Every structure is written in structure tokens, then in C-alpha cells.
Amino acid sequence: MLVHENGFAPNKAAMELVLPILKRDNPGNDVWGYSGNMRSRVGRHYNDIDVEYWLRVSVPKYVSARPKIAHMEVQSTGNSDAPAARMTSEMMEDVEAIAFKNFAEREPLIYLKTIARGVTKYLAFRTARKKKGEVAGLLVNIFNVATESADTRSWLTLPNSFGMVRVSLPPGKYNLNLSFYDRSGRQVKSAEIKDVEIRDGDFTFLNYRTFQ
């Protein structure tokens, strides 16, 4: 069995959201409930005259990193007792698709927590301005902006996907000629694994990593 580790997993990037806190709003003590309502304001238009404060928060998003290589073909040679065999890899695990699916399931909670964090900072700004004046409010606001960042940690060394070729060969030594193709069927890379020994009754496991 030959496992093809292809490309790199998608990485996370920061995306900025700008949300209006309206003059008629009264967050009170229910920061979570208020933050849930704020989520619905993403992408909507509001007049500046109705807005008391523009809340800027940073949320993570996945960025696709699909590799150029789409699949691999393997041809076995070198054993005169066995005819040459040619096999095409099959997708075993789509790491990128799994990452996007898992993130989509967690996204509402991530947005809620991020907005709630921003609302809490806004309330601190409003309190400082009310109790200690505009300068104090400005300093708190500067601190809030400087400390606002999205959690963009991700496992960047994972492959984007795992492909697999599995074949049964008679015992002996083989050379494996690997050909790699893009989504249009054009060959973009070739490689060779020499002197692969197949033993009677044993399983042989190999892997090959590409980065294109």
C-alpha cells in the first residue's frame, strides 16, 4: 500500500468585522444576548447618525490551500516474473474538507465569543469615558484595538489530503514509477521509488509526500 500525502492543510487568516452599536442600544448586563443580536448586523447598512460606536472585531477564517496535484498514478516495474501493473490513487482523507466542515460547525460560537469580547471592551471604554473623561476613554479604546486579534493557530504541517494506492503483487523486488496529475489531467511531476521488496504473506506500507 502506498499513501500519497498531498500539499498542505488550509491555514487560518484573520478577518475584520465592523459592527454598529446603535445609540438606542442598551447592552445592560446581558452581554451574551446582546452579542447574539449584534451578529445579525454583519453586512447590513446603518446611517452614521444612528450609530454611537463602530465595534471592530477580528475573527478567524480558513483559507483554501488546494494543491496543484490532484491524483497519482503508480506503475510497477523491475520484476520479470510479474507483468507491469498500473494503478491510480483514490482519495482516502480530505483534510481540507474536514477542516472547513468542522469550522463551519463551530463558527456561530466563535463569532458569539468574539463579539462578546468586543462588547465587553466597548463597555469598559464607555465606563472609563464616563467616569474619567474623554482622554481615559481614548486610552482604553486604543488598548482595546491593540489587543484585538483572531485565533489563527492551525496545524500547518498536515497534508491537504491523503490518497492511497493498494495492490497485490507477487513476491519480489519492484521499482515504482510515480506520475502526478493536476485536475485537468496534465502531468506535473514524476518520481521513482526503487527496490521495493514484496515478501510473501506480508504487507508493505510506503508513503510519498508532495508539496505542489
Protein backbone atom coordinates (compact mmCIF):
# COMPACT_ATOMS: atom_id res chain seq x y z
CA MET A 1 0.00 0.00 0.00
CA LEU A 2 1.32 3.44 -0.98
CA VAL A 3 -0.04 6.52 0.76
CA HIS A 4 0.21 9.87 -1.02
CA GLU A 5 0.45 12.87 1.34
CA ASN A 6 -0.52 15.80 -0.85
CA GLY A 7 0.07 19.52 -0.26
CA PHE A 8 -0.58 21.46 2.93
CA ALA A 9 -3.68 21.76 5.09
CA PRO A 10 -5.56 25.08 4.87
CA ASN A 11 -4.35 27.83 7.15
CA LYS A 12 -6.33 30.34 9.17
CA ALA A 13 -6.33 34.06 8.45
CA ALA A 14 -7.87 36.97 10.33
CA MET A 15 -10.97 38.72 9.01
CA GLU A 16 -12.15 42.03 10.43
CA LEU A 17 -15.81 42.68 11.14
CA VAL A 18 -17.18 46.16 11.76
CA LEU A 19 -20.43 46.15 13.75
CA PRO A 20 -22.52 49.16 14.74
CA ILE A 21 -23.51 49.81 18.33
CA LEU A 22 -26.58 51.98 17.94
CA LYS A 23 -27.49 54.93 20.12
CA ARG A 24 -30.73 53.22 21.08
CA ASP A 25 -28.91 50.06 22.24
CA ASN A 26 -28.79 49.15 25.90
CA PRO A 27 -26.47 46.15 26.38
CA GLY A 28 -27.06 46.13 30.14
CA ASN A 29 -25.73 43.03 31.88
CA ASP A 30 -26.76 40.57 29.18
CA VAL A 31 -23.58 40.72 27.10
CA TRP A 32 -24.16 37.29 25.55
CA GLY A 33 -27.72 38.03 24.48
CA TYR A 34 -26.75 41.41 23.12
CA SER A 35 -23.77 39.90 21.25
CA GLY A 36 -26.09 37.37 19.63
CA ASN A 37 -28.22 40.22 18.31
CA MET A 38 -25.11 42.03 17.07
CA ARG A 39 -24.22 39.01 14.92
CA SER A 40 -27.27 39.71 12.74
CA ARG A 41 -25.90 43.17 11.86
CA VAL A 42 -22.98 41.83 9.84
CA GLY A 43 -23.20 43.18 6.29
CA ARG A 44 -26.18 45.47 6.92
CA HIS A 45 -26.12 49.21 6.28
CA TYR A 46 -26.67 51.77 9.06
CA ASN A 47 -26.66 55.55 8.97
CA ASP A 48 -23.85 57.19 10.93
CA ILE A 49 -26.38 59.39 12.71
CA ASP A 50 -27.88 56.28 14.35
CA VAL A 51 -24.53 54.78 15.37
CA GLU A 52 -22.86 55.50 18.69
CA TYR A 53 -19.79 53.32 18.17
CA TRP A 54 -18.28 51.18 15.42
CA LEU A 55 -17.11 47.96 17.02
CA ARG A 56 -14.21 46.27 15.22
CA VAL A 57 -13.53 42.61 15.97
CA SER A 58 -11.21 40.09 14.36
CA VAL A 59 -12.44 36.58 13.62
CA PRO A 60 -10.60 33.62 12.07
CA LYS A 61 -11.41 32.10 8.71
CA TYR A 62 -9.91 29.20 6.80
CA VAL A 63 -8.13 29.92 3.51
CA SER A 64 -8.19 27.13 0.94
CA ALA A 65 -4.80 25.67 0.03
CA ARG A 66 -5.74 23.13 -2.61
CA PRO A 67 -2.55 21.73 -4.17
CA LYS A 68 -1.85 21.68 -7.87
CA ILE A 69 -1.62 17.87 -7.83
CA ALA A 70 -4.98 16.11 -7.89
CA HIS A 71 -4.05 12.44 -8.04
CA MET A 72 -1.18 9.98 -8.51
CA GLU A 73 -0.63 7.02 -10.83
CA VAL A 74 1.76 4.22 -9.95
CA GLN A 75 3.37 1.74 -12.35
CA SER A 76 5.31 -1.24 -11.03
CA THR A 77 8.36 -2.47 -12.98
CA GLY A 78 11.54 -4.41 -12.34
CA ASN A 79 10.18 -7.88 -11.68
CA SER A 80 10.37 -10.09 -14.77
CA ASP A 81 8.14 -12.70 -13.11
CA ALA A 82 5.20 -10.30 -12.84
CA PRO A 83 3.57 -8.15 -15.53
CA ALA A 84 3.74 -4.37 -15.09
CA ALA A 85 0.79 -3.03 -13.16
CA ARG A 86 -0.59 0.49 -13.31
CA MET A 87 -2.82 1.88 -10.55
CA THR A 88 -4.49 5.24 -9.85
CA SER A 89 -4.73 6.63 -6.34
CA GLU A 90 -8.03 7.14 -4.59
CA MET A 91 -8.86 9.82 -2.05
CA MET A 92 -8.52 8.37 1.43
CA GLU A 93 -8.97 11.51 3.55
CA ASP A 94 -9.76 15.09 2.51
CA VAL A 95 -8.18 17.06 5.33
CA GLU A 96 -9.20 20.45 3.91
CA ALA A 97 -12.87 19.46 3.56
CA ILE A 98 -12.89 18.15 7.13
CA ALA A 99 -11.27 21.36 8.43
CA PHE A 100 -13.86 23.56 6.67
CA LYS A 101 -16.75 21.38 7.86
CA ASN A 102 -15.58 21.38 11.49
CA PHE A 103 -15.01 25.13 11.40
CA ALA A 104 -18.47 25.76 9.92
CA GLU A 105 -20.00 23.82 12.82
CA ARG A 106 -18.07 25.90 15.39
CA GLU A 107 -18.36 29.23 13.56
CA PRO A 108 -21.53 30.53 15.31
CA LEU A 109 -19.95 30.03 18.75
CA ILE A 110 -16.64 31.55 17.60
CA TYR A 111 -18.46 34.64 16.32
CA LEU A 112 -20.52 34.90 19.51
CA LYS A 113 -17.46 34.70 21.77
CA THR A 114 -15.53 37.19 19.63
CA ILE A 115 -18.35 39.73 19.55
CA ALA A 116 -18.98 39.29 23.29
CA ARG A 117 -15.29 40.01 23.90
CA GLY A 118 -15.57 43.15 21.79
CA VAL A 119 -18.74 44.29 23.55
CA THR A 120 -17.04 43.81 26.93
CA LYS A 121 -14.16 46.01 25.76
CA TYR A 122 -16.64 48.60 24.50
CA LEU A 123 -18.39 48.70 27.88
CA ALA A 124 -15.00 49.24 29.56
CA PHE A 125 -14.34 52.12 27.15
CA ARG A 126 -17.74 53.67 27.85
CA THR A 127 -17.29 53.36 31.62
CA ALA A 128 -13.80 54.91 31.51
CA ARG A 129 -15.03 57.81 29.39
CA LYS A 130 -18.00 58.42 31.67
CA LYS A 131 -16.06 58.29 34.94
CA LYS A 132 -12.67 59.71 33.96
CA GLY A 133 -13.28 61.72 30.81
CA GLU A 134 -12.55 61.56 27.12
CA VAL A 135 -8.79 61.02 27.49
CA ALA A 136 -9.26 57.95 29.66
CA GLY A 137 -11.86 56.61 27.25
CA LEU A 138 -9.48 57.17 24.34
CA LEU A 139 -6.68 55.29 26.10
CA VAL A 140 -8.96 52.35 26.83
CA ASN A 141 -10.12 52.33 23.21
CA ILE A 142 -6.52 52.34 21.93
CA PHE A 143 -5.75 49.41 24.23
CA ASN A 144 -8.82 47.54 23.01
CA VAL A 145 -7.83 47.95 19.35
CA ALA A 146 -4.21 46.95 20.04
CA THR A 147 -5.21 43.76 21.82
CA GLU A 148 -7.85 42.63 19.35
CA SER A 149 -6.68 39.65 17.32
CA ALA A 150 -8.17 36.46 15.94
CA ASP A 151 -7.00 33.00 16.93
CA THR A 152 -5.33 31.86 13.71
CA ARG A 153 -3.48 28.86 15.10
CA SER A 154 -3.69 25.77 12.89
CA TRP A 155 -1.71 22.63 12.13
CA LEU A 156 0.11 23.80 9.02
CA THR A 157 2.29 20.72 8.50
CA LEU A 158 -0.66 18.40 7.86
CA PRO A 159 -1.20 17.36 4.23
CA ASN A 160 -4.17 18.80 2.37
CA SER A 161 -5.32 15.28 1.57
CA PHE A 162 -4.29 11.65 1.74
CA GLY A 163 -4.51 9.45 -1.34
CA MET A 164 -3.91 5.71 -1.45
CA VAL A 165 -2.93 3.03 -3.92
CA ARG A 166 -3.38 -0.58 -2.83
CA VAL A 167 -2.36 -3.51 -4.98
CA SER A 168 -1.45 -7.17 -4.59
CA LEU A 169 1.89 -8.13 -6.20
CA PRO A 170 3.81 -11.41 -6.30
CA PRO A 171 6.91 -11.58 -4.05
CA GLY A 172 9.98 -9.89 -5.44
CA LYS A 173 11.65 -6.52 -5.89
CA TYR A 174 9.95 -3.70 -7.75
CA ASN A 175 10.55 -0.19 -8.87
CA LEU A 176 7.54 2.10 -8.57
CA ASN A 177 7.21 4.88 -11.13
CA LEU A 178 5.01 7.65 -9.78
CA SER A 179 3.22 10.15 -12.00
CA PHE A 180 1.29 13.09 -10.57
CA TYR A 181 -1.51 14.89 -12.41
CA ASP A 182 -3.46 18.11 -11.95
CA ARG A 183 -7.26 18.40 -12.20
CA SER A 184 -7.14 18.82 -15.96
CA GLY A 185 -5.23 15.56 -16.38
CA ARG A 186 -1.88 17.17 -17.14
CA GLN A 187 1.21 15.54 -15.63
CA VAL A 188 3.06 17.94 -13.34
CA LYS A 189 5.58 15.72 -11.58
CA SER A 190 7.19 12.29 -11.68
CA ALA A 191 9.26 10.29 -9.22
CA GLU A 192 10.56 6.80 -8.62
CA ILE A 193 10.81 4.54 -5.59
CA LYS A 194 13.42 1.86 -6.20
CA ASP A 195 13.93 -1.64 -4.85
CA VAL A 196 10.64 -2.09 -3.04
CA GLU A 197 10.66 -5.62 -1.66
CA ILE A 198 7.40 -7.54 -1.51
CA ARG A 199 7.51 -10.57 0.77
CA ASP A 200 5.15 -13.48 0.58
CA GLY A 201 2.30 -13.10 3.09
CA ASP A 202 3.46 -9.65 4.31
CA PHE A 203 2.02 -6.17 3.92
CA THR A 204 4.31 -3.43 2.61
CA PHE A 205 3.49 0.15 3.54
CA LEU A 206 5.04 3.14 1.78
CA ASN A 207 4.33 6.83 1.68
CA TYR A 208 5.27 9.70 -0.60
CA ARG A 209 4.81 13.42 0.10
CA THR A 210 4.26 16.12 -2.50
CA PHE A 211 4.06 19.87 -1.90
CA GLN A 212 2.87 21.29 -5.22
